[in-house]
Amino acid sequence: MRKRYPAQAGYFYPRSREELLEALRRAFLHELGPGELPPVPPDYTGRVIGAVVPHAGYIYSGHVAAHAYLRLAKAGKPEVVVILGPNHHGIGAPVAIDENEVWLTPLGEVQVDIEVAKLLASREELIRFDFSAHLYEHSIEVQVPFLQFVFGNDVRIVPISMLRQDFRGALRVASAIAETISEQGLKAYVLASSDMSHYVPADVARRKDFIALKKVQELDAQGFYDAVIEEDISICGYGPVMVLVGVARELGYTRVELLKYADSGDVTGDKSEVVAYASLSFEKP
């Protein structure tokens, strides 16, 4: 059985199980976090289809991500979570599902849902199996301990790394995911891993980011893409966000709630140059 070992443990999140569990607890209980630990999840309700979540080091963005994971926990335990993240390293296929069958973290093993992965790859030629895209990538890896903390190790994942992030490609990937969820009757969540503006003053980040976030809340993928380009917004995972917007539109999840927006300056105290983060949930109206 092919296994992916963690590339970023000890960097983006703690390497030891005990320290990682404590970091996750702190994220939920942080003053900028939701202020409560996730409950034991009920059965999958279908109220929520997914969330936008950040992927910086836990000390900077874990408390923002925790808002989304608390919402998912309350919406029920899924069978499978499709996790889309940007490819920061430029390695591998343009849209790549990992070929490994298991992902390891300090909290244990999580199975890749190979059957769902095969269905996606057979439905859309853009989606290919390529382990190299996932070798060093952190944007998906940092989500897995959160999923384990909230849902346990028996939740399955489909990790998809996006080097190609154009509008048309994103909507093709979205259609493949939405159709597979619908036709297979999957109890699924879709996560779009993305940070917001990078290395700009906090007020500039907020102004630009809220232009883009407004389009996300309107489920306007084209408008979001245009805003990113025209306003020169340094959102790294705009492709995954467009995919989630497309999935939500196709499946009727038309209520998008901004759960939390914050930036690295809230932690460091330096607002002159920040990376910003947002959590959003996509829900039934």
Protein backbone atom coordinates (compact mmCIF):
# COMPACT_ATOMS: atom_id res chain seq x y z
CA MET A 1 0.00 0.00 0.00
CA ARG A 2 1.49 3.32 -1.11
CA LYS A 3 1.74 5.90 1.65
CA ARG A 4 2.42 9.63 1.69
CA TYR A 5 4.46 10.66 4.70
CA PRO A 6 4.05 14.18 6.07
CA ALA A 7 6.30 16.76 4.43
CA GLN A 8 5.45 19.70 6.68
CA ALA A 9 5.15 18.26 10.20
CA GLY A 10 7.43 20.32 12.41
CA TYR A 11 7.08 23.32 10.12
CA PHE A 12 3.45 24.29 9.53
CA TYR A 13 2.21 22.27 12.51
CA PRO A 14 3.79 20.27 15.37
CA ARG A 15 5.55 17.00 14.69
CA SER A 16 4.49 15.14 17.84
CA ARG A 17 0.99 13.78 18.35
CA GLU A 18 0.53 15.41 21.76
CA GLU A 19 1.74 18.83 20.64
CA LEU A 20 -0.39 18.65 17.49
CA LEU A 21 -3.52 17.80 19.48
CA GLU A 22 -2.82 20.73 21.78
CA ALA A 23 -2.27 23.06 18.80
CA LEU A 24 -5.63 21.99 17.35
CA ARG A 25 -7.38 22.56 20.67
CA ARG A 26 -5.79 26.00 20.92
CA ALA A 27 -6.97 26.86 17.41
CA PHE A 28 -10.60 26.22 18.36
CA LEU A 29 -10.33 27.98 21.73
CA HIS A 30 -8.19 30.91 20.49
CA GLU A 31 -9.54 34.42 21.07
CA LEU A 32 -9.82 34.76 17.29
CA GLY A 33 -11.12 31.23 16.90
CA PRO A 34 -14.69 29.99 17.36
CA GLY A 35 -14.23 29.72 21.12
CA GLU A 36 -15.44 26.15 21.45
CA LEU A 37 -14.21 22.65 20.70
CA PRO A 38 -16.01 20.70 17.97
CA PRO A 39 -18.77 18.36 19.17
CA VAL A 40 -18.99 14.68 18.38
CA PRO A 41 -20.34 15.00 14.83
CA PRO A 42 -23.90 13.88 14.17
CA ASP A 43 -24.77 11.86 11.09
CA TYR A 44 -24.20 13.72 7.83
CA THR A 45 -27.01 16.25 7.38
CA GLY A 46 -26.30 17.56 3.89
CA ARG A 47 -26.76 21.14 5.10
CA VAL A 48 -23.22 22.13 4.11
CA ILE A 49 -21.27 21.14 1.00
CA GLY A 50 -17.91 22.65 1.85
CA ALA A 51 -15.70 25.47 3.01
CA VAL A 52 -12.83 27.76 2.13
CA VAL A 53 -10.01 27.23 4.63
CA PRO A 54 -6.56 28.85 4.99
CA HIS A 55 -3.30 26.91 4.95
CA ALA A 56 -0.60 28.91 6.73
CA GLY A 57 1.19 27.71 9.83
CA TYR A 58 -1.29 26.87 12.56
CA ILE A 59 -0.09 29.70 14.80
CA TYR A 60 -1.06 32.20 12.09
CA SER A 61 -4.21 30.75 10.55
CA GLY A 62 -5.28 27.68 12.52
CA HIS A 63 -7.81 29.72 14.52
CA VAL A 64 -9.36 30.98 11.27
CA ALA A 65 -9.58 27.47 9.83
CA ALA A 66 -11.18 26.26 13.07
CA HIS A 67 -14.29 28.33 12.34
CA ALA A 68 -14.91 26.31 9.18
CA TYR A 69 -14.14 22.97 10.79
CA LEU A 70 -16.54 23.69 13.65
CA ARG A 71 -19.30 24.41 11.11
CA LEU A 72 -18.53 21.15 9.29
CA ALA A 73 -18.48 19.21 12.57
CA LYS A 74 -21.96 20.47 13.42
CA ALA A 75 -23.19 19.63 9.91
CA GLY A 76 -22.29 15.96 10.36
CA LYS A 77 -19.67 13.39 9.51
CA PRO A 78 -18.99 12.82 5.80
CA GLU A 79 -17.83 9.69 4.01
CA VAL A 80 -15.29 11.55 1.92
CA VAL A 81 -13.69 15.00 1.78
CA VAL A 82 -12.36 16.34 -1.52
CA ILE A 83 -9.51 18.73 -0.68
CA LEU A 84 -8.36 21.13 -3.39
CA GLY A 85 -5.22 23.19 -2.89
CA PRO A 86 -2.92 25.31 -5.03
CA ASN A 87 0.35 23.83 -6.20
CA HIS A 88 3.01 26.12 -4.73
CA HIS A 89 5.99 24.19 -6.12
CA GLY A 90 5.20 23.92 -9.83
CA ILE A 91 5.77 20.16 -9.85
CA GLY A 92 3.43 17.62 -11.40
CA ALA A 93 0.30 17.55 -13.53
CA PRO A 94 -1.85 20.68 -13.92
CA VAL A 95 -4.66 19.14 -11.86
CA ALA A 96 -3.29 16.21 -9.88
CA ILE A 97 -4.83 13.60 -7.59
CA ASP A 98 -2.30 11.89 -5.37
CA GLU A 99 -1.55 8.27 -6.29
CA ASN A 100 -0.84 7.25 -2.71
CA GLU A 101 -3.54 5.21 -1.00
CA VAL A 102 -2.85 6.48 2.53
CA TRP A 103 -1.80 9.84 3.99
CA LEU A 104 0.04 9.85 7.30
CA THR A 105 0.08 12.62 9.89
CA PRO A 106 1.23 12.58 13.53
CA LEU A 107 -2.40 11.65 14.34
CA GLY A 108 -2.32 8.47 12.26
CA GLU A 109 -3.40 7.26 8.83
CA VAL A 110 -6.20 8.48 6.56
CA GLN A 111 -7.31 6.55 3.50
CA VAL A 112 -7.46 8.15 0.07
CA ASP A 113 -10.79 7.28 -1.58
CA ILE A 114 -9.29 5.73 -4.68
CA GLU A 115 -12.69 4.79 -6.14
CA VAL A 116 -13.96 8.36 -6.02
CA ALA A 117 -10.60 9.56 -7.34
CA LYS A 118 -10.88 7.18 -10.31
CA LEU A 119 -14.41 8.39 -11.03
CA LEU A 120 -13.21 12.00 -11.12
CA ALA A 121 -10.24 11.21 -13.35
CA SER A 122 -12.43 9.21 -15.75
CA ARG A 123 -15.01 12.00 -15.94
CA GLU A 124 -12.64 14.91 -16.61
CA GLU A 125 -9.42 14.60 -18.62
CA LEU A 126 -7.85 17.58 -16.83
CA ILE A 127 -7.74 15.51 -13.65
CA ARG A 128 -4.79 13.10 -13.60
CA PHE A 129 -3.07 10.90 -11.06
CA ASP A 130 0.36 12.31 -10.19
CA PHE A 131 2.04 11.82 -6.82
CA SER A 132 4.82 14.32 -7.55
CA ALA A 133 2.45 17.30 -7.25
CA HIS A 134 1.87 16.33 -3.61
CA LEU A 135 5.42 15.52 -2.51
CA TYR A 136 6.18 18.82 -0.77
CA GLU A 137 2.85 20.65 -0.96
CA HIS A 138 1.48 21.99 2.32
CA SER A 139 -1.87 23.46 1.27
CA ILE A 140 -3.67 20.11 1.46
CA GLU A 141 -1.51 18.44 4.10
CA VAL A 142 -2.31 21.02 6.79
CA GLN A 143 -6.04 20.28 6.45
CA VAL A 144 -5.75 16.58 7.24
CA PRO A 145 -5.03 16.87 11.00
CA PHE A 146 -8.07 19.14 11.34
CA LEU A 147 -10.21 16.49 9.65
CA GLN A 148 -8.78 13.80 11.91
CA PHE A 149 -9.38 15.93 15.00
CA VAL A 150 -13.01 16.59 14.05
CA PHE A 151 -14.08 13.38 12.30
CA GLY A 152 -11.54 10.73 13.27
CA ASN A 153 -9.18 8.71 11.10
CA ASP A 154 -11.88 6.80 9.22
CA VAL A 155 -12.88 9.78 7.07
CA ARG A 156 -11.58 9.35 3.50
CA ILE A 157 -9.96 12.07 1.42
CA VAL A 158 -9.40 12.91 -2.24
CA PRO A 159 -6.41 15.31 -2.44
CA ILE A 160 -6.33 17.43 -5.63
CA SER A 161 -3.44 19.82 -6.27
CA MET A 162 -4.10 22.60 -8.79
CA LEU A 163 -1.21 24.06 -10.76
CA ARG A 164 -3.68 25.16 -13.44
CA GLN A 165 -6.05 27.72 -11.91
CA ASP A 166 -7.85 29.35 -14.84
CA PHE A 167 -11.61 29.97 -14.84
CA ARG A 168 -12.58 27.44 -17.52
CA GLY A 169 -10.43 24.69 -16.07
CA ALA A 170 -11.80 25.28 -12.58
CA LEU A 171 -15.39 24.98 -13.76
CA ARG A 172 -14.59 21.74 -15.58
CA VAL A 173 -13.16 20.30 -12.37
CA ALA A 174 -16.18 21.61 -10.46
CA SER A 175 -18.60 19.87 -12.80
CA ALA A 176 -16.75 16.57 -12.45
CA ILE A 177 -16.90 16.80 -8.66
CA ALA A 178 -20.54 17.93 -8.50
CA GLU A 179 -21.72 15.25 -10.92
CA THR A 180 -19.82 12.53 -9.08
CA ILE A 181 -21.24 13.59 -5.71
CA SER A 182 -24.75 13.71 -7.15
CA GLU A 183 -24.67 10.49 -9.16
CA GLN A 184 -22.98 8.46 -6.43
CA GLY A 185 -25.06 9.95 -3.63
CA LEU A 186 -21.89 10.76 -1.72
CA LYS A 187 -21.94 12.18 1.78
CA ALA A 188 -19.17 14.59 0.91
CA TYR A 189 -17.52 17.88 1.71
CA VAL A 190 -15.36 19.91 -0.65
CA LEU A 191 -12.58 22.03 0.83
CA ALA A 192 -10.89 24.87 -1.04
CA SER A 193 -7.55 25.57 0.60
CA SER A 194 -6.45 29.15 0.05
CA ASP A 195 -4.92 32.12 1.81
CA MET A 196 -5.99 35.63 0.88
CA SER A 197 -3.74 38.64 0.15
CA HIS A 198 -0.01 38.21 0.71
CA TYR A 199 2.61 40.67 2.01
CA VAL A 200 0.67 43.91 1.81
CA PRO A 201 -0.49 46.32 4.55
CA ALA A 202 -3.49 45.02 6.47
CA ASP A 203 -5.82 47.76 5.24
CA VAL A 204 -4.89 47.06 1.62
CA ALA A 205 -5.41 43.34 2.14
CA ARG A 206 -8.85 43.88 3.65
CA ARG A 207 -9.98 46.28 0.92
CA LYS A 208 -8.89 44.01 -1.90
CA ASP A 209 -9.94 40.75 -0.28
CA PHE A 210 -13.47 41.93 0.42
CA ILE A 211 -13.93 42.78 -3.25
CA ALA A 212 -13.13 39.15 -4.04
CA LEU A 213 -15.05 37.71 -1.09
CA LYS A 214 -18.20 39.57 -2.16
CA LYS A 215 -18.06 37.74 -5.49
CA VAL A 216 -17.58 34.41 -3.71
CA GLN A 217 -20.63 35.08 -1.56
CA GLU A 218 -22.58 35.84 -4.73
CA LEU A 219 -21.37 32.50 -6.19
CA ASP A 220 -19.93 34.51 -9.08
CA ALA A 221 -16.84 32.54 -10.09
CA GLN A 222 -16.20 34.68 -13.16
CA GLY A 223 -16.53 37.87 -11.13
CA PHE A 224 -14.19 36.47 -8.49
CA TYR A 225 -11.60 35.52 -11.11
CA ASP A 226 -11.87 38.95 -12.76
CA ALA A 227 -11.44 40.68 -9.39
CA VAL A 228 -8.31 38.66 -8.61
CA ILE A 229 -6.79 39.66 -11.95
CA GLU A 230 -7.99 43.26 -12.21
CA GLU A 231 -7.31 44.21 -8.58
CA ASP A 232 -4.03 42.25 -8.51
CA ILE A 233 -5.12 40.29 -5.44
CA SER A 234 -2.48 37.80 -4.35
CA ILE A 235 -4.88 35.00 -3.39
CA CYS A 236 -2.89 31.80 -3.89
CA GLY A 237 -5.78 29.32 -4.14
CA TYR A 238 -8.18 31.13 -6.42
CA GLY A 239 -8.55 28.00 -8.57
CA PRO A 240 -9.74 25.81 -5.68
CA VAL A 241 -12.11 28.58 -4.58
CA MET A 242 -13.64 28.73 -8.07
CA VAL A 243 -14.05 24.96 -8.04
CA LEU A 244 -15.95 25.11 -4.75
CA VAL A 245 -18.12 27.96 -6.02
CA GLY A 246 -18.93 25.87 -9.09
CA VAL A 247 -19.76 22.77 -7.04
CA ALA A 248 -22.00 24.79 -4.73
CA ARG A 249 -23.88 26.37 -7.65
CA GLU A 250 -24.45 23.05 -9.39
CA LEU A 251 -25.68 21.31 -6.23
CA GLY A 252 -27.85 24.16 -4.92
CA TYR A 253 -25.78 25.34 -1.96
CA THR A 254 -26.44 29.03 -2.50
CA ARG A 255 -25.84 30.46 0.98
CA VAL A 256 -22.21 31.46 1.53
CA GLU A 257 -21.27 32.73 4.98
CA LEU A 258 -18.02 34.48 5.82
CA LEU A 259 -17.20 32.87 9.15
CA LYS A 260 -13.94 34.68 9.92
CA TYR A 261 -11.45 37.04 8.32
CA ALA A 262 -8.12 37.82 9.98
CA ASP A 263 -4.47 38.34 9.13
CA SER A 264 -1.02 37.45 10.40
CA GLY A 265 -0.72 40.86 12.03
CA ASP A 266 -3.38 39.84 14.52
CA VAL A 267 -0.80 37.37 15.84
CA THR A 268 2.49 39.20 15.30
CA GLY A 269 1.25 42.73 15.96
CA ASP A 270 2.82 43.95 12.69
CA LYS A 271 0.11 45.27 10.37
CA SER A 272 2.54 46.81 7.87
CA GLU A 273 2.89 43.60 5.84
CA VAL A 274 0.48 40.73 6.39
CA VAL A 275 -0.91 37.54 4.94
CA ALA A 276 -4.68 37.44 5.27
CA TYR A 277 -6.96 34.46 5.84
CA ALA A 278 -10.66 33.70 5.49
CA SER A 279 -13.03 30.87 6.33
CA LEU A 280 -16.32 30.55 4.49
CA SER A 281 -19.04 27.91 4.55
CA PHE A 282 -21.27 26.92 1.62
CA GLU A 283 -24.72 25.88 2.78
CA LYS A 284 -28.29 25.16 1.74
CA PRO A 285 -30.44 28.33 1.69
